[in-house]
């Protein structure tokens, strides 16, 4: 009987472009042509959740990659040139970042190298929790931000790092675009020197080298497939330092995102209703017939209790007593919300940012360890100064809010009483008491805020800026309309008079003419420059060690989705080897080729290239004639270090027959001792006759794909699962591999279900994911 068992099958409404199994659970992620991301589980191919395309992210998914712990799924978008990190448990976007070129492939690996230095580092890495308070959760009331980031995931934003062990997301794209992101967030290297379009990537788990399959246009303008091995020895040699630096910079990246979201919440807490006073005063100036200033009319009302007919009409007809009361409540509510966000979020985030940047500065001063990685103490010092300026601007906003709230409360209290008197209504005794000090306070407020400003009308379309908080939240490069009044500030006067302190690097510049948004953008730019230099230095250290032109892409496969095409790469962690498996149907249709390279580019590998003869792989089947038993390989993926999972096509196939799913053991192939002498002047497909060849006969590890034009396969040897996709990209079948024989099958299924249940209990959040499975199953009937 077959060595694997079908457990699910489905016809999908849209063609699938990418598919990838979770490394930890029996879950497979699919991306289709509509830009939808789907998560299914092995059993009956039940849908767990779907993430529809988003106008803020994009609609053209080009690649998928799972974080090694299976908790986060990364996918790239070609139309918006973005990479998105998605929480698998909640189907929520946690983080996204832009890239320079559309991503065509990605690979997420975890370092498995162990050393005494790393062990001590893992045990004593992050002490920030001892010194910094936990950042408060972002409020749930904001709306625009929730279109990209959900309301409940602000805690998750700070937990993107996952385990302490270093993991790296590798991205590849057009024109030799290759970038490495530590923990999927911090760009740790930008590589140069890779030509063509990246088709597949594999970074070795010891960080010594990176294998890349590229598609390059030949002299005859034909697409040519090449294998490139890049020496990433600096990452391997400085692994403890790279890990420490990467975690610090990833902390900084998450904190920048936290501050960005906090500022967005503040902008949404500020309401447009706060502009009503400014707009109505401007309209009043444009419509009134007298030549008196607005502040004079209000001062006359304050001192003598008399007002012009125009002012009375403005107050009673446009503003109204009820409108004034509502405006006062809106201002107090909005200012209070912004004030709380500044104190609890901006200031806490800034303090944490200063802490981590200061630690990075200390690392940069240890030149023996960190200078080779590009840590520049001067750039880090500039970043610390920029964060200090942002913190000062936050404090300035707090002072403006505090002063504005006091001013508006006194002003509205007086104006409310004045309007009640105009209406000849009863004035409550508690509001009727106004001291000389209160009158002087309101008079100063009117003199400062109610003067007409023609320059302001030219820039903003109004004459007044009574409301001073909103200008700090505008994302503009213009100077503040009404900067804070620093006249009489003894500290500023002392600084100006002191030639030493005036230019001291110990004092943060305050930028009194700029908004909070402007200073935030300036801070992000300086920190970005600080983060970029290590990526440039590490990227320049990466050199090309091997370049092997393999074959030209046949015209028959020009329309085949490149995401599924061979070659396929694999990293053998135990023996520190890179494998590449590929076919050359135009040259030798019945052969499969296996290329082997050591992860250390200097390490010689015997029998580095062998081929597998598939011409008699089905010869054990008596019902098939010799001619029909000759097969071609359509797809091949590494099941584990010693097994390939392949989709085969018989030479004389019928309409829906002649396609097979098979397991190819590589033991005899990998033990081949014959050497191939590669002629560097020729492509591989021009010298196939001298490649060592191994024959192979399958036993029971083969299954015919009845009623399915099978074409592609995705496998996970750890979970022992496979998913076969048809040529039209819409028909899938899922299999359990390496199942027990028939009499033990039922017992094995029960024990497997029990172990799966136990795993769901042991896995964090497993119950929530199961609930999503049930919900997805109920809504699956329409597929």
Foldseek 3Di string as FASTA:
>chain_A
DAQWDFQAWDFFPFFWQDKAAQQPFQKMWTAGQQQKIWIFGRHHRFTLDIDGDAPVAAGAWQEWEAANVRQWIWIFHQVQQKIWIAGPLPRATQDMDHDPHGFNYKYKFFAPDDDPLVVVCLVPPDPVPVPAPDADQDAQPDDPVCSRGNRPCLVVLQVLQPGLTWMWMWTWAAQGFIFIAISVFFTQATADDDGAGWLYWDQFSLRQKIKTWHWHQDPVRFTFIKIFIKGLVVCNVQVVVSSSVNVLVSSLRSLLVQLVVLLSVLLRLDDPLLCVVQVLLQVLVVPDDDPDAPLVQVLCCLPPVDHDPSVLCSDPPPCNLVNLVVSLVSLVRSLVVNLVSLVRRLLSSLVSNLVSLVVLLVVVVVCVNCVLLQQDNVLSLVLNLLSVLLNLLSVVLNVLSVVLNVLSVLQSLVVSQSNCVVVVHDDDPVSPDDDPVSSVSNSVLSVVWRGFDVVCCVVPVTGTDSDQNSQQSDLDPFWRPDFDDCPPPPVVVVLVVDPDNVPDSVDRDHRRRHHSNVSSVVSVVSVVVSSVRSNHSSNVVMGILDMATAGTDDPVCPVPSSNFADFDWDAANVQQKIKTKHDDCVQQQQKIKIAIAHSNSVDDDALRIAIEGQLCQAVVDVVDDSQQSRKGWQHWDDLHPFKIWTWIATPDADPFWRIKTFIFGCPVVSPDRDHDDDDRVDHNSVPVVRHHYDYHYDDSGMDIRGRAQWHGKYHHNVQQKMWTAGSSSRIIIIMRRSADDDVCRVVRVVVVVVVSVVVLVVDVSSVSSVVSSVVSNVVVVVD
